[in-house]
C-alpha atoms as a PDB file:
ATOM      1  CA  MET A   1     -25.686  65.245   0.049  1.00  0.00           C
ATOM      2  CA  ARG A   2     -28.454  63.033  -0.379  1.00  0.00           C
ATOM      3  CA  SER A   3     -30.375  60.952   2.378  1.00  0.00           C
ATOM      4  CA  ILE A   4     -31.078  57.386   2.337  1.00  0.00           C
ATOM      5  CA  GLN A   5     -34.493  56.415   2.195  1.00  0.00           C
ATOM      6  CA  LEU A   6     -36.489  53.331   3.258  1.00  0.00           C
ATOM      7  CA  SER A   7     -36.646  52.516  -0.180  1.00  0.00           C
ATOM      8  CA  ASP A   8     -32.698  51.875  -0.737  1.00  0.00           C
ATOM      9  CA  TRP A   9     -32.697  49.728   2.701  1.00  0.00           C
ATOM     10  CA  LYS A  10     -35.655  47.532   0.993  1.00  0.00           C
ATOM     11  CA  ILE A  11     -33.274  46.910  -2.069  1.00  0.00           C
ATOM     12  CA  ALA A  12     -29.957  46.547  -0.109  1.00  0.00           C
ATOM     13  CA  PHE A  13     -32.097  43.756   2.275  1.00  0.00           C
ATOM     14  CA  ALA A  14     -33.548  42.043  -0.321  1.00  0.00           C
ATOM     15  CA  ALA A  15     -30.043  41.930  -2.080  1.00  0.00           C
ATOM     16  CA  THR A  16     -28.580  40.568   0.682  1.00  0.00           C
ATOM     17  CA  GLY A  17     -31.334  37.997   1.480  1.00  0.00           C
ATOM     18  CA  LEU A  18     -30.879  36.748  -2.398  1.00  0.00           C
ATOM     19  CA  ILE A  19     -27.151  36.252  -2.086  1.00  0.00           C
ATOM     20  CA  GLY A  20     -27.815  34.227   1.149  1.00  0.00           C
ATOM     21  CA  ILE A  21     -30.597  31.868  -0.545  1.00  0.00           C
ATOM     22  CA  LEU A  22     -28.144  31.082  -3.165  1.00  0.00           C
ATOM     23  CA  LEU A  23     -25.049  30.304  -1.146  1.00  0.00           C
ATOM     24  CA  PHE A  24     -27.371  28.032   1.377  1.00  0.00           C
ATOM     25  CA  ALA A  25     -29.152  26.522  -1.857  1.00  0.00           C
ATOM     26  CA  SER A  26     -25.836  25.426  -3.867  1.00  0.00           C
ATOM     27  CA  PRO A  27     -24.979  22.374  -2.132  1.00  0.00           C
ATOM     28  CA  THR A  28     -28.764  21.399  -2.791  1.00  0.00           C
ATOM     29  CA  LEU A  29     -28.428  22.557  -6.499  1.00  0.00           C
ATOM     30  CA  ALA A  30     -25.199  20.470  -6.854  1.00  0.00           C
ATOM     31  CA  ILE A  31     -26.807  17.231  -6.203  1.00  0.00           C
ATOM     32  CA  PHE A  32     -29.294  18.080  -9.687  1.00  0.00           C
ATOM     33  CA  ILE A  33     -26.487  20.139 -11.418  1.00  0.00           C
ATOM     34  CA  LYS A  34     -23.636  17.796 -11.623  1.00  0.00           C
ATOM     35  CA  PRO A  35     -20.278  18.777 -13.093  1.00  0.00           C
ATOM     36  CA  GLN A  36     -19.795  16.966 -16.607  1.00  0.00           C
ATOM     37  CA  LEU A  37     -16.807  14.308 -15.895  1.00  0.00           C
ATOM     38  CA  SER A  38     -13.651  14.355 -18.575  1.00  0.00           C
ATOM     39  CA  GLN A  39     -14.355  11.678 -21.238  1.00  0.00           C
ATOM     40  CA  GLN A  40     -12.927   8.353 -19.846  1.00  0.00           C
ATOM     41  CA  PHE A  41     -10.889   6.542 -22.987  1.00  0.00           C
ATOM     42  CA  SER A  42      -8.211   4.211 -23.184  1.00  0.00           C
ATOM     43  CA  GLN A  43      -5.844   4.698 -26.867  1.00  0.00           C
ATOM     44  CA  LEU A  44      -3.468   2.331 -28.735  1.00  0.00           C
ATOM     45  CA  TYR A  45      -0.877   2.881 -31.264  1.00  0.00           C
ATOM     46  CA  VAL A  46       1.341   1.798 -33.371  1.00  0.00           C
ATOM     47  CA  LEU A  47       4.463   3.739 -34.750  1.00  0.00           C
ATOM     48  CA  GLY A  48       6.984   3.123 -37.322  1.00  0.00           C
ATOM     49  CA  PRO A  49      10.820   2.870 -36.285  1.00  0.00           C
ATOM     50  CA  ASN A  50      11.595   6.411 -36.151  1.00  0.00           C
ATOM     51  CA  GLN A  51       8.436   6.047 -33.335  1.00  0.00           C
ATOM     52  CA  THR A  52       6.423   8.456 -35.990  1.00  0.00           C
ATOM     53  CA  LEU A  53       3.664   7.592 -38.272  1.00  0.00           C
ATOM     54  CA  ASP A  54       6.165   7.175 -41.448  1.00  0.00           C
ATOM     55  CA  ASN A  55       7.940   4.043 -42.395  1.00  0.00           C
ATOM     56  CA  ILE A  56       5.339   1.316 -40.978  1.00  0.00           C
ATOM     57  CA  PRO A  57       6.283  -1.871 -42.615  1.00  0.00           C
ATOM     58  CA  TYR A  58       4.171  -2.835 -45.463  1.00  0.00           C
ATOM     59  CA  ASN A  59       6.141  -4.780 -48.048  1.00  0.00           C
ATOM     60  CA  ILE A  60       7.624  -7.703 -46.078  1.00  0.00           C
ATOM     61  CA  VAL A  61      10.777  -9.904 -47.276  1.00  0.00           C
ATOM     62  CA  ARG A  62      11.634 -13.179 -45.528  1.00  0.00           C
ATOM     63  CA  GLY A  63      14.254 -13.108 -43.011  1.00  0.00           C
ATOM     64  CA  VAL A  64      14.191  -9.117 -42.559  1.00  0.00           C
ATOM     65  CA  ARG A  65      13.589  -7.717 -39.032  1.00  0.00           C
ATOM     66  CA  TYR A  66      10.993  -4.787 -38.663  1.00  0.00           C
ATOM     67  CA  LEU A  67      10.558  -2.563 -35.717  1.00  0.00           C
ATOM     68  CA  LEU A  68       7.508  -0.990 -34.509  1.00  0.00           C
ATOM     69  CA  TYR A  69       6.567   1.024 -31.964  1.00  0.00           C
ATOM     70  CA  ILE A  70       3.228  -0.099 -29.769  1.00  0.00           C
ATOM     71  CA  GLY A  71       1.719   2.291 -27.289  1.00  0.00           C
ATOM     72  CA  VAL A  72      -1.129   2.168 -24.751  1.00  0.00           C
ATOM     73  CA  GLY A  73      -2.531   5.312 -23.082  1.00  0.00           C
ATOM     74  CA  ASN A  74      -4.776   5.517 -19.871  1.00  0.00           C
ATOM     75  CA  GLU A  75      -7.431   8.106 -19.293  1.00  0.00           C
ATOM     76  CA  LEU A  76      -9.535   6.449 -17.480  1.00  0.00           C
ATOM     77  CA  GLY A  77      -9.726   8.506 -14.399  1.00  0.00           C
ATOM     78  CA  PHE A  78      -7.949   5.338 -12.688  1.00  0.00           C
ATOM     79  CA  SER A  79      -4.913   2.912 -12.614  1.00  0.00           C
ATOM     80  CA  ASN A  80      -5.616   0.089 -14.388  1.00  0.00           C
ATOM     81  CA  PHE A  81      -3.948  -3.196 -15.904  1.00  0.00           C
ATOM     82  CA  TYR A  82      -3.508  -3.835 -19.697  1.00  0.00           C
ATOM     83  CA  SER A  83      -2.229  -6.420 -21.953  1.00  0.00           C
ATOM     84  CA  VAL A  84      -1.142  -6.184 -25.582  1.00  0.00           C
ATOM     85  CA  HIS A  85      -2.150  -9.357 -27.831  1.00  0.00           C
ATOM     86  CA  VAL A  86      -0.600 -10.099 -31.147  1.00  0.00           C
ATOM     87  CA  LYS A  87      -1.938 -12.562 -33.627  1.00  0.00           C
ATOM     88  CA  ILE A  88      -1.411 -13.342 -37.473  1.00  0.00           C
ATOM     89  CA  ALA A  89      -4.276 -13.740 -39.825  1.00  0.00           C
ATOM     90  CA  GLY A  90      -4.126 -15.453 -42.829  1.00  0.00           C
ATOM     91  CA  GLN A  91      -6.137 -14.215 -46.064  1.00  0.00           C
ATOM     92  CA  ASN A  92      -9.284 -15.366 -45.065  1.00  0.00           C
ATOM     93  CA  GLU A  93      -9.304 -15.552 -41.094  1.00  0.00           C
ATOM     94  CA  SER A  94     -11.628 -13.160 -38.997  1.00  0.00           C
ATOM     95  CA  LEU A  95     -10.104  -9.806 -38.124  1.00  0.00           C
ATOM     96  CA  PRO A  96     -11.595  -7.801 -34.559  1.00  0.00           C
ATOM     97  CA  ASN A  97     -15.055  -6.527 -35.125  1.00  0.00           C
ATOM     98  CA  ARG A  98     -15.548  -2.864 -33.948  1.00  0.00           C
ATOM     99  CA  SER A  99     -19.134  -2.378 -33.929  1.00  0.00           C
ATOM    100  CA  LEU A 100     -19.916  -5.590 -32.112  1.00  0.00           C
ATOM    101  CA  GLY A 101     -16.549  -5.248 -29.727  1.00  0.00           C
ATOM    102  CA  LEU A 102     -15.523  -8.440 -30.557  1.00  0.00           C
ATOM    103  CA  SER A 103     -11.628  -9.446 -30.525  1.00  0.00           C
ATOM    104  CA  SER A 104     -10.297 -11.769 -33.338  1.00  0.00           C
ATOM    105  CA  PRO A 105     -11.360 -15.531 -32.705  1.00  0.00           C
ATOM    106  CA  LEU A 106      -7.671 -16.536 -33.697  1.00  0.00           C
ATOM    107  CA  PRO A 107      -5.036 -17.509 -30.739  1.00  0.00           C
ATOM    108  CA  GLU A 108      -2.547 -14.678 -29.593  1.00  0.00           C
ATOM    109  CA  LEU A 109       0.879 -15.342 -29.844  1.00  0.00           C
ATOM    110  CA  TYR A 110       2.553 -12.828 -28.163  1.00  0.00           C
ATOM    111  CA  ILE A 111       1.065 -11.104 -24.879  1.00  0.00           C
ATOM    112  CA  SER A 112       2.586  -8.091 -23.093  1.00  0.00           C
ATOM    113  CA  ASN A 113       0.935  -7.124 -19.561  1.00  0.00           C
ATOM    114  CA  ILE A 114       1.070  -3.618 -18.684  1.00  0.00           C
ATOM    115  CA  PHE A 115       0.081  -1.193 -15.668  1.00  0.00           C
ATOM    116  CA  LEU A 116      -0.744   1.823 -16.121  1.00  0.00           C
ATOM    117  CA  GLN A 117      -1.624   4.852 -13.816  1.00  0.00           C
ATOM    118  CA  ASN A 118      -4.337   7.401 -15.058  1.00  0.00           C
ATOM    119  CA  GLU A 119      -2.766   9.730 -17.694  1.00  0.00           C
ATOM    120  CA  ALA A 120       0.054   7.564 -17.966  1.00  0.00           C
ATOM    121  CA  VAL A 121       1.517   6.443 -21.450  1.00  0.00           C
ATOM    122  CA  TRP A 122       3.590   2.945 -21.689  1.00  0.00           C
ATOM    123  CA  GLN A 123       5.414   2.345 -25.006  1.00  0.00           C
ATOM    124  CA  ALA A 124       8.154  -0.110 -26.047  1.00  0.00           C
ATOM    125  CA  PRO A 125       9.663  -1.540 -29.337  1.00  0.00           C
ATOM    126  CA  PHE A 126       8.092  -4.557 -30.910  1.00  0.00           C
ATOM    127  CA  THR A 127       9.923  -6.519 -33.506  1.00  0.00           C
ATOM    128  CA  PHE A 128       8.762  -8.999 -35.897  1.00  0.00           C
ATOM    129  CA  GLN A 129      10.578 -11.462 -38.581  1.00  0.00           C
ATOM    130  CA  VAL A 130       8.819 -13.761 -40.943  1.00  0.00           C
ATOM    131  CA  LYS A 131      11.347 -16.994 -41.177  1.00  0.00           C
ATOM    132  CA  ASP A 132       9.558 -19.513 -43.186  1.00  0.00           C
ATOM    133  CA  LEU A 133       7.743 -18.182 -46.340  1.00  0.00           C
ATOM    134  CA  SER A 134       6.975 -19.929 -49.339  1.00  0.00           C
ATOM    135  CA  PHE A 135       5.258 -19.155 -52.605  1.00  0.00           C
ATOM    136  CA  THR A 136       3.941 -22.257 -54.668  1.00  0.00           C
ATOM    137  CA  ASN A 137       0.752 -22.280 -57.097  1.00  0.00           C
ATOM    138  CA  GLY A 138      -0.415 -18.692 -57.111  1.00  0.00           C
ATOM    139  CA  LYS A 139      -0.397 -19.261 -52.563  1.00  0.00           C
ATOM    140  CA  CYS A 140       2.139 -17.635 -49.877  1.00  0.00           C
ATOM    141  CA  THR A 141       2.693 -19.887 -47.104  1.00  0.00           C
ATOM    142  CA  MET A 142       3.718 -18.753 -43.611  1.00  0.00           C
ATOM    143  CA  ASN A 143       4.746 -21.419 -41.521  1.00  0.00           C
ATOM    144  CA  SER A 144       7.207 -19.689 -38.898  1.00  0.00           C
ATOM    145  CA  ILE A 145       7.310 -15.798 -37.520  1.00  0.00           C
ATOM    146  CA  ASN A 146       9.507 -14.127 -34.760  1.00  0.00           C
ATOM    147  CA  LEU A 147       7.319 -11.836 -32.466  1.00  0.00           C
ATOM    148  CA  ASN A 148      10.032  -9.870 -30.321  1.00  0.00           C
ATOM    149  CA  GLY A 149      12.561 -12.313 -30.628  1.00  0.00           C
ATOM    150  CA  VAL A 150      10.761 -15.526 -29.719  1.00  0.00           C
ATOM    151  CA  ASP A 151      10.090 -17.873 -32.844  1.00  0.00           C
ATOM    152  CA  TYR A 152       6.250 -19.345 -33.243  1.00  0.00           C
ATOM    153  CA  SER A 153       5.024 -21.940 -35.641  1.00  0.00           C
ATOM    154  CA  VAL A 154       1.794 -20.910 -37.674  1.00  0.00           C
ATOM    155  CA  SER A 155       0.017 -22.167 -40.580  1.00  0.00           C
ATOM    156  CA  LYS A 156      -1.026 -19.251 -42.623  1.00  0.00           C
ATOM    157  CA  THR A 157      -1.945 -19.089 -45.998  1.00  0.00           C
ATOM    158  CA  SER A 158      -2.759 -16.333 -48.551  1.00  0.00           C
ATOM    159  CA  SER A 159      -3.700 -16.518 -52.440  1.00  0.00           C
ATOM    160  CA  TRP A 160      -2.303 -14.207 -55.208  1.00  0.00           C
ATOM    161  CA  ASP A 161      -4.926 -10.711 -55.108  1.00  0.00           C
ATOM    162  CA  SER A 162      -4.899  -9.862 -58.318  1.00  0.00           C
ATOM    163  CA  GLU A 163      -6.609  -6.157 -57.853  1.00  0.00           C
ATOM    164  CA  LYS A 164      -4.157  -5.421 -55.103  1.00  0.00           C
ATOM    165  CA  GLN A 165      -1.379  -7.273 -56.427  1.00  0.00           C
ATOM    166  CA  GLY A 166       0.053  -8.894 -53.270  1.00  0.00           C
ATOM    167  CA  TYR A 167      -0.314 -12.005 -50.924  1.00  0.00           C
ATOM    168  CA  PHE A 168      -1.901 -10.197 -47.707  1.00  0.00           C
ATOM    169  CA  PHE A 169      -1.434 -11.148 -44.105  1.00  0.00           C
ATOM    170  CA  ASN A 170      -2.511  -9.215 -41.255  1.00  0.00           C
ATOM    171  CA  LEU A 171      -0.725  -8.696 -38.146  1.00  0.00           C
ATOM    172  CA  ILE A 172      -3.434  -7.838 -35.438  1.00  0.00           C
ATOM    173  CA  ILE A 173      -2.611  -5.706 -32.057  1.00  0.00           C
ATOM    174  CA  GLU A 174      -5.365  -6.022 -29.955  1.00  0.00           C
ATOM    175  CA  LEU A 175      -5.926  -3.895 -26.276  1.00  0.00           C
ATOM    176  CA  TRP A 176      -7.621  -5.851 -23.404  1.00  0.00           C
ATOM    177  CA  ILE A 177      -8.147  -4.658 -20.002  1.00  0.00           C
ATOM    178  CA  TYR A 178      -8.685  -5.961 -16.621  1.00  0.00           C
ATOM    179  CA  ASN A 179     -12.414  -5.925 -15.403  1.00  0.00           C
ATOM    180  CA  SER A 180     -12.109  -5.550 -11.518  1.00  0.00           C
ATOM    181  CA  THR A 181     -15.799  -6.614 -11.038  1.00  0.00           C
ATOM    182  CA  LEU A 182     -15.559  -9.757 -13.078  1.00  0.00           C
ATOM    183  CA  GLY A 183     -12.287 -10.640 -12.048  1.00  0.00           C
ATOM    184  CA  TYR A 184     -10.618 -11.243 -15.547  1.00  0.00           C
ATOM    185  CA  SER A 185      -9.437  -9.363 -18.950  1.00  0.00           C
ATOM    186  CA  GLN A 186     -11.460  -8.838 -21.800  1.00  0.00           C
ATOM    187  CA  TYR A 187     -11.102  -7.143 -24.879  1.00  0.00           C
ATOM    188  CA  HIS A 188     -11.277  -3.174 -24.619  1.00  0.00           C
ATOM    189  CA  ASN A 189     -12.495  -2.779 -28.572  1.00  0.00           C
ATOM    190  CA  ARG A 190      -9.315  -1.243 -29.470  1.00  0.00           C
ATOM    191  CA  SER A 191      -7.228  -2.890 -31.908  1.00  0.00           C
ATOM    192  CA  ILE A 192      -4.939  -2.249 -34.938  1.00  0.00           C
ATOM    193  CA  SER A 193      -4.423  -4.476 -38.056  1.00  0.00           C
ATOM    194  CA  LEU A 194      -1.425  -4.025 -40.199  1.00  0.00           C
ATOM    195  CA  ARG A 195      -1.702  -4.938 -43.605  1.00  0.00           C
ATOM    196  CA  LEU A 196       1.300  -7.005 -44.783  1.00  0.00           C
ATOM    197  CA  ASN A 197       2.376  -7.801 -48.422  1.00  0.00           C
ATOM    198  CA  MET A 198       4.660 -10.700 -48.396  1.00  0.00           C
ATOM    199  CA  THR A 199       7.082 -10.686 -51.291  1.00  0.00           C
ATOM    200  CA  SER A 200       9.810 -12.799 -52.437  1.00  0.00           C
ATOM    201  CA  SER A 201      12.741  -9.893 -52.561  1.00  0.00           C
END
């Protein structure tokens, strides 16, 4: 049986000392090496009537009620207030600008306010129905639309698009969020613009 040499004790003491230094230094290292936080974000989505990406309305007929599902997800790491703003844009009206983080300057017709816990998802049905629509001299005019059971007067026009073969409007859905520092809601740079082709039948 081999006897323990002095060099063996030196190695054992050195190893113990190194482990101790690392244990005592770890809180200090934590100050400089911060763990990477998970990505913080919010999500906005739209689904068709079957709660899938299929059959999202495109060709729109006056008087027909169309069903969508609008969803919002909170992955910010904390609870917060959101609001969904719905707008209607005619052919030459401004859509949200994602690169500049700007909402559409058009007035909102419909607003839904939501409070979401962290990692929670809100989803709700949303209906729209074009009620007053006319076609004259190569132009389509929308004067009234129903959003979630409420009628709104609008004055939107679209000229015939010979390239895409249609009269196009946009249903704009924007996500706004409450900024507790500023004390008011602001555009959250999340939006969906559904292009709608108005047809006579």
